[in-house]
Amino acid sequence: KRVVGFDEAMTAYRDFLKGDESYSYGGDDEVLRENAELYNSADWMKTYHDGNIAPFFHTIDAATKTVNSGALATYFDAIPAGESVQEHYALWDVKSIAYAFTHLVKKGHKNPFI
């Protein structure tokens, strides 16, 4: 494995996004900004667009303020058949957010991204 510095890692992440926005569930966006300041790497932040998707869920149900990202799909009963819950496993946590979000939009909640 190769260890990379913060600038290189975040530049690769920004390049991966190809100009799209990145959303976290909770305060990960703020942690990235704090690290950019700590590493004097604020330049890449000028072209990085992020946000927190948690308020979408919190406005639908305030109780989700205590639900982690990997449990959202379970909470909203939005797990597709054949999927198994693996909370705190990054790929599952992202799927859980996506499944819950898609489920809620299909139920009539406004998609804040369109």
N, C-alpha and C. Protein backbone atom coordinates (compact mmCIF):
# COMPACT_ATOMS: atom_id res chain seq x y z
N LYS A 1 0.84 -1.18 0.00
CA LYS A 1 0.00 0.00 0.00
C LYS A 1 0.88 1.24 0.00
N ARG A 2 0.38 2.27 -0.63
CA ARG A 2 1.11 3.52 -0.72
C ARG A 2 0.40 4.57 0.13
N VAL A 3 1.15 5.26 0.95
CA VAL A 3 0.61 6.33 1.78
C VAL A 3 0.72 7.63 0.99
N VAL A 4 -0.36 8.40 0.99
CA VAL A 4 -0.36 9.69 0.28
C VAL A 4 -0.70 10.80 1.27
N GLY A 5 -0.29 11.99 0.92
CA GLY A 5 -0.60 13.14 1.75
C GLY A 5 -2.03 13.62 1.54
N PHE A 6 -2.44 14.51 2.39
CA PHE A 6 -3.80 15.03 2.34
C PHE A 6 -4.12 15.67 0.99
N ASP A 7 -3.22 16.53 0.50
CA ASP A 7 -3.47 17.19 -0.78
C ASP A 7 -3.66 16.20 -1.92
N GLU A 8 -2.78 15.21 -1.99
CA GLU A 8 -2.89 14.23 -3.06
C GLU A 8 -4.18 13.42 -2.96
N ALA A 9 -4.52 13.02 -1.75
CA ALA A 9 -5.75 12.24 -1.55
C ALA A 9 -6.99 13.05 -1.92
N MET A 10 -7.04 14.29 -1.49
CA MET A 10 -8.22 15.10 -1.76
C MET A 10 -8.29 15.54 -3.22
N THR A 11 -7.15 15.71 -3.85
CA THR A 11 -7.15 16.02 -5.28
C THR A 11 -7.68 14.83 -6.06
N ALA A 12 -7.25 13.63 -5.68
CA ALA A 12 -7.76 12.42 -6.34
C ALA A 12 -9.27 12.28 -6.12
N TYR A 13 -9.73 12.60 -4.91
CA TYR A 13 -11.17 12.54 -4.62
C TYR A 13 -11.94 13.56 -5.45
N ARG A 14 -11.44 14.77 -5.52
CA ARG A 14 -12.09 15.82 -6.31
C ARG A 14 -12.12 15.41 -7.78
N ASP A 15 -11.02 14.84 -8.28
CA ASP A 15 -10.98 14.39 -9.67
C ASP A 15 -11.98 13.27 -9.91
N PHE A 16 -12.12 12.38 -8.93
CA PHE A 16 -13.10 11.29 -9.01
C PHE A 16 -14.52 11.85 -9.15
N LEU A 17 -14.80 12.93 -8.46
CA LEU A 17 -16.13 13.54 -8.50
C LEU A 17 -16.44 14.19 -9.84
N LYS A 18 -15.43 14.55 -10.60
CA LYS A 18 -15.60 15.15 -11.93
C LYS A 18 -16.54 16.35 -11.91
N GLY A 19 -16.40 17.18 -10.89
CA GLY A 19 -17.21 18.39 -10.81
C GLY A 19 -18.54 18.22 -10.11
N ASP A 20 -18.94 16.99 -9.83
CA ASP A 20 -20.19 16.77 -9.11
C ASP A 20 -20.02 17.14 -7.64
N GLU A 21 -21.12 17.37 -6.99
CA GLU A 21 -21.08 17.67 -5.56
C GLU A 21 -20.95 16.38 -4.76
N SER A 22 -20.42 16.50 -3.57
CA SER A 22 -20.28 15.37 -2.67
C SER A 22 -21.10 15.67 -1.42
N TYR A 23 -21.89 14.70 -0.99
CA TYR A 23 -22.71 14.88 0.20
C TYR A 23 -22.37 13.84 1.24
N SER A 24 -22.37 14.26 2.47
CA SER A 24 -22.16 13.35 3.59
C SER A 24 -23.43 13.32 4.43
N TYR A 25 -23.49 12.40 5.33
CA TYR A 25 -24.59 12.32 6.28
C TYR A 25 -24.01 12.67 7.64
N GLY A 26 -24.18 13.89 8.02
CA GLY A 26 -23.59 14.35 9.27
C GLY A 26 -22.56 15.41 8.99
N GLY A 27 -21.49 15.40 9.75
CA GLY A 27 -20.52 16.48 9.67
C GLY A 27 -19.23 16.18 8.93
N ASP A 28 -19.21 15.15 8.08
CA ASP A 28 -17.98 14.82 7.38
C ASP A 28 -17.48 15.97 6.52
N ASP A 29 -18.39 16.73 5.94
CA ASP A 29 -17.98 17.86 5.11
C ASP A 29 -17.20 18.88 5.94
N GLU A 30 -17.62 19.10 7.17
CA GLU A 30 -16.91 20.03 8.05
C GLU A 30 -15.54 19.49 8.45
N VAL A 31 -15.45 18.17 8.65
CA VAL A 31 -14.17 17.55 9.01
C VAL A 31 -13.17 17.75 7.87
N LEU A 32 -13.62 17.59 6.63
CA LEU A 32 -12.72 17.82 5.48
C LEU A 32 -12.23 19.26 5.46
N ARG A 33 -13.13 20.18 5.70
CA ARG A 33 -12.73 21.60 5.71
C ARG A 33 -11.73 21.89 6.84
N GLU A 34 -11.96 21.33 8.01
CA GLU A 34 -11.04 21.53 9.13
C GLU A 34 -9.66 20.97 8.80
N ASN A 35 -9.62 19.79 8.18
CA ASN A 35 -8.34 19.19 7.81
C ASN A 35 -7.64 20.02 6.74
N ALA A 36 -8.40 20.56 5.81
CA ALA A 36 -7.79 21.42 4.78
C ALA A 36 -7.10 22.61 5.44
N GLU A 37 -7.73 23.17 6.44
CA GLU A 37 -7.12 24.29 7.15
C GLU A 37 -5.88 23.84 7.93
N LEU A 38 -5.97 22.69 8.61
CA LEU A 38 -4.84 22.18 9.37
C LEU A 38 -3.62 21.89 8.49
N TYR A 39 -3.89 21.39 7.29
CA TYR A 39 -2.80 21.04 6.37
C TYR A 39 -2.46 22.18 5.41
N ASN A 40 -3.03 23.35 5.66
CA ASN A 40 -2.81 24.50 4.77
C ASN A 40 -3.08 24.12 3.32
N SER A 41 -4.18 23.41 3.11
CA SER A 41 -4.53 22.89 1.80
C SER A 41 -5.83 23.46 1.29
N ALA A 42 -6.13 24.67 1.65
CA ALA A 42 -7.42 25.24 1.31
C ALA A 42 -7.62 25.46 -0.18
N ASP A 43 -6.55 25.43 -0.99
CA ASP A 43 -6.69 25.69 -2.42
C ASP A 43 -7.65 24.72 -3.10
N TRP A 44 -7.56 23.44 -2.78
CA TRP A 44 -8.44 22.49 -3.46
C TRP A 44 -9.90 22.69 -3.06
N MET A 45 -10.13 23.32 -1.91
CA MET A 45 -11.51 23.56 -1.47
C MET A 45 -12.23 24.56 -2.38
N LYS A 46 -11.47 25.36 -3.11
CA LYS A 46 -12.09 26.35 -4.00
C LYS A 46 -12.87 25.69 -5.12
N THR A 47 -12.50 24.46 -5.48
CA THR A 47 -13.18 23.77 -6.57
C THR A 47 -13.95 22.54 -6.07
N TYR A 48 -14.07 22.41 -4.78
CA TYR A 48 -14.76 21.27 -4.17
C TYR A 48 -16.10 21.75 -3.63
N HIS A 49 -17.16 21.06 -4.00
CA HIS A 49 -18.50 21.44 -3.55
C HIS A 49 -19.09 20.28 -2.77
N ASP A 50 -19.47 20.55 -1.56
CA ASP A 50 -20.01 19.50 -0.72
C ASP A 50 -21.21 19.98 0.06
N GLY A 51 -21.79 19.07 0.77
CA GLY A 51 -22.93 19.41 1.60
C GLY A 51 -23.29 18.27 2.53
N ASN A 52 -24.29 18.51 3.33
CA ASN A 52 -24.75 17.55 4.32
C ASN A 52 -26.17 17.15 3.95
N ILE A 53 -26.38 15.89 3.65
CA ILE A 53 -27.70 15.41 3.25
C ILE A 53 -28.61 15.11 4.45
N ALA A 54 -28.04 15.09 5.65
CA ALA A 54 -28.81 14.74 6.85
C ALA A 54 -30.05 15.60 7.05
N PRO A 55 -30.00 16.92 6.83
CA PRO A 55 -31.21 17.72 7.04
C PRO A 55 -32.42 17.26 6.22
N PHE A 56 -32.18 16.68 5.04
CA PHE A 56 -33.29 16.14 4.24
C PHE A 56 -34.07 15.12 5.07
N PHE A 57 -33.35 14.20 5.70
CA PHE A 57 -33.98 13.16 6.51
C PHE A 57 -34.56 13.74 7.80
N HIS A 58 -33.86 14.68 8.42
CA HIS A 58 -34.30 15.26 9.69
C HIS A 58 -35.60 16.05 9.55
N THR A 59 -35.81 16.68 8.39
CA THR A 59 -37.06 17.43 8.21
C THR A 59 -38.24 16.49 7.97
N ILE A 60 -37.96 15.31 7.48
CA ILE A 60 -39.03 14.32 7.28
C ILE A 60 -39.38 13.64 8.59
N ASP A 61 -38.35 13.33 9.39
CA ASP A 61 -38.56 12.68 10.68
C ASP A 61 -37.42 13.08 11.61
N ALA A 62 -37.71 13.91 12.57
CA ALA A 62 -36.69 14.43 13.49
C ALA A 62 -35.97 13.32 14.25
N ALA A 63 -36.61 12.17 14.40
CA ALA A 63 -35.98 11.06 15.12
C ALA A 63 -34.75 10.54 14.39
N THR A 64 -34.60 10.86 13.10
CA THR A 64 -33.42 10.39 12.37
C THR A 64 -32.15 11.09 12.85
N LYS A 65 -32.28 12.10 13.68
CA LYS A 65 -31.09 12.75 14.24
C LYS A 65 -30.28 11.77 15.09
N THR A 66 -30.90 10.67 15.50
CA THR A 66 -30.20 9.65 16.28
C THR A 66 -29.95 8.38 15.47
N VAL A 67 -30.20 8.42 14.18
CA VAL A 67 -30.03 7.25 13.31
C VAL A 67 -28.77 7.45 12.46
N ASN A 68 -27.86 6.48 12.50
CA ASN A 68 -26.65 6.61 11.69
C ASN A 68 -26.95 6.28 10.23
N SER A 69 -26.03 6.65 9.35
CA SER A 69 -26.26 6.49 7.91
C SER A 69 -26.52 5.04 7.52
N GLY A 70 -25.85 4.11 8.15
CA GLY A 70 -26.04 2.70 7.82
C GLY A 70 -27.36 2.13 8.28
N ALA A 71 -28.07 2.86 9.12
CA ALA A 71 -29.37 2.39 9.63
C ALA A 71 -30.56 3.10 8.98
N LEU A 72 -30.30 4.06 8.10
CA LEU A 72 -31.41 4.81 7.49
C LEU A 72 -32.34 3.92 6.68
N ALA A 73 -31.78 3.04 5.88
CA ALA A 73 -32.63 2.17 5.05
C ALA A 73 -33.51 1.29 5.93
N THR A 74 -32.96 0.79 7.02
CA THR A 74 -33.73 -0.01 7.97
C THR A 74 -34.82 0.84 8.61
N TYR A 75 -34.46 2.03 9.05
CA TYR A 75 -35.39 2.92 9.73
C TYR A 75 -36.60 3.23 8.85
N PHE A 76 -36.35 3.49 7.56
CA PHE A 76 -37.44 3.84 6.64
C PHE A 76 -38.00 2.63 5.90
N ASP A 77 -37.61 1.44 6.33
CA ASP A 77 -38.09 0.20 5.70
C ASP A 77 -37.87 0.24 4.19
N ALA A 78 -36.63 0.54 3.82
CA ALA A 78 -36.31 0.75 2.41
C ALA A 78 -35.21 -0.20 1.89
N ILE A 79 -35.03 -1.31 2.56
CA ILE A 79 -33.98 -2.24 2.13
C ILE A 79 -34.52 -3.15 1.03
N PRO A 80 -33.88 -3.13 -0.13
CA PRO A 80 -34.32 -4.01 -1.21
C PRO A 80 -34.14 -5.48 -0.85
N ALA A 81 -34.98 -6.32 -1.43
CA ALA A 81 -34.87 -7.76 -1.20
C ALA A 81 -33.47 -8.22 -1.60
N GLY A 82 -32.90 -9.08 -0.79
CA GLY A 82 -31.60 -9.64 -1.09
C GLY A 82 -30.42 -8.87 -0.51
N GLU A 83 -30.66 -7.67 -0.03
CA GLU A 83 -29.58 -6.88 0.58
C GLU A 83 -29.45 -7.26 2.05
N SER A 84 -28.22 -7.23 2.54
CA SER A 84 -28.00 -7.48 3.96
C SER A 84 -27.36 -6.25 4.58
N VAL A 85 -27.85 -5.88 5.73
CA VAL A 85 -27.39 -4.69 6.44
C VAL A 85 -25.99 -4.92 7.00
N GLN A 86 -25.11 -3.95 6.76
CA GLN A 86 -23.74 -4.01 7.29
C GLN A 86 -23.37 -2.63 7.80
N GLU A 87 -24.05 -2.18 8.83
CA GLU A 87 -23.81 -0.84 9.37
C GLU A 87 -22.33 -0.59 9.62
N HIS A 88 -21.91 0.62 9.34
CA HIS A 88 -20.55 1.11 9.54
C HIS A 88 -19.55 0.49 8.56
N TYR A 89 -20.05 -0.13 7.51
CA TYR A 89 -19.23 -0.57 6.38
C TYR A 89 -19.52 0.46 5.30
N ALA A 90 -18.49 1.16 4.85
CA ALA A 90 -18.68 2.35 4.01
C ALA A 90 -19.62 2.12 2.83
N LEU A 91 -19.42 1.04 2.09
CA LEU A 91 -20.27 0.80 0.92
C LEU A 91 -21.73 0.64 1.33
N TRP A 92 -21.98 -0.11 2.40
CA TRP A 92 -23.36 -0.26 2.86
C TRP A 92 -23.94 1.07 3.33
N ASP A 93 -23.17 1.84 4.07
CA ASP A 93 -23.68 3.12 4.57
C ASP A 93 -24.13 4.02 3.43
N VAL A 94 -23.37 4.04 2.34
CA VAL A 94 -23.75 4.84 1.17
C VAL A 94 -25.02 4.27 0.54
N LYS A 95 -25.08 2.95 0.42
CA LYS A 95 -26.28 2.33 -0.14
C LYS A 95 -27.50 2.63 0.73
N SER A 96 -27.31 2.57 2.04
CA SER A 96 -28.41 2.82 2.97
C SER A 96 -28.97 4.23 2.78
N ILE A 97 -28.08 5.20 2.63
CA ILE A 97 -28.52 6.58 2.39
C ILE A 97 -29.30 6.64 1.07
N ALA A 98 -28.74 6.03 0.03
CA ALA A 98 -29.39 6.06 -1.29
C ALA A 98 -30.73 5.34 -1.28
N TYR A 99 -30.81 4.18 -0.64
CA TYR A 99 -32.07 3.44 -0.57
C TYR A 99 -33.14 4.25 0.17
N ALA A 100 -32.75 4.83 1.30
CA ALA A 100 -33.71 5.62 2.09
C ALA A 100 -34.15 6.85 1.32
N PHE A 101 -33.20 7.53 0.70
CA PHE A 101 -33.51 8.74 -0.07
C PHE A 101 -34.47 8.42 -1.22
N THR A 102 -34.13 7.40 -2.00
CA THR A 102 -34.97 7.01 -3.14
C THR A 102 -36.36 6.61 -2.68
N HIS A 103 -36.42 5.87 -1.61
CA HIS A 103 -37.71 5.43 -1.05
C HIS A 103 -38.58 6.63 -0.67
N LEU A 104 -37.99 7.60 0.00
CA LEU A 104 -38.74 8.77 0.45
C LEU A 104 -39.20 9.64 -0.73
N VAL A 105 -38.36 9.78 -1.73
CA VAL A 105 -38.75 10.56 -2.91
C VAL A 105 -39.89 9.86 -3.64
N LYS A 106 -39.82 8.54 -3.75
CA LYS A 106 -40.90 7.77 -4.39
C LYS A 106 -42.21 7.91 -3.61
N LYS A 107 -42.11 8.11 -2.31
CA LYS A 107 -43.31 8.29 -1.47
C LYS A 107 -43.84 9.71 -1.54
N GLY A 108 -43.18 10.57 -2.31
CA GLY A 108 -43.70 11.92 -2.50
C GLY A 108 -42.94 13.06 -1.86
N HIS A 109 -41.87 12.76 -1.14
CA HIS A 109 -41.07 13.83 -0.54
C HIS A 109 -40.26 14.52 -1.64
N LYS A 110 -40.18 15.83 -1.55
CA LYS A 110 -39.50 16.62 -2.58
C LYS A 110 -38.01 16.33 -2.60
N ASN A 111 -37.51 16.07 -3.80
CA ASN A 111 -36.08 15.88 -3.99
C ASN A 111 -35.42 17.27 -3.98
N PRO A 112 -34.58 17.55 -3.01
CA PRO A 112 -33.98 18.90 -2.92
C PRO A 112 -32.88 19.15 -3.94
N PHE A 113 -32.56 18.16 -4.75
CA PHE A 113 -31.46 18.29 -5.69
C PHE A 113 -31.91 18.56 -7.12
N ILE A 114 -33.22 18.63 -7.33
CA ILE A 114 -33.71 18.96 -8.68
C ILE A 114 -34.67 20.12 -8.61
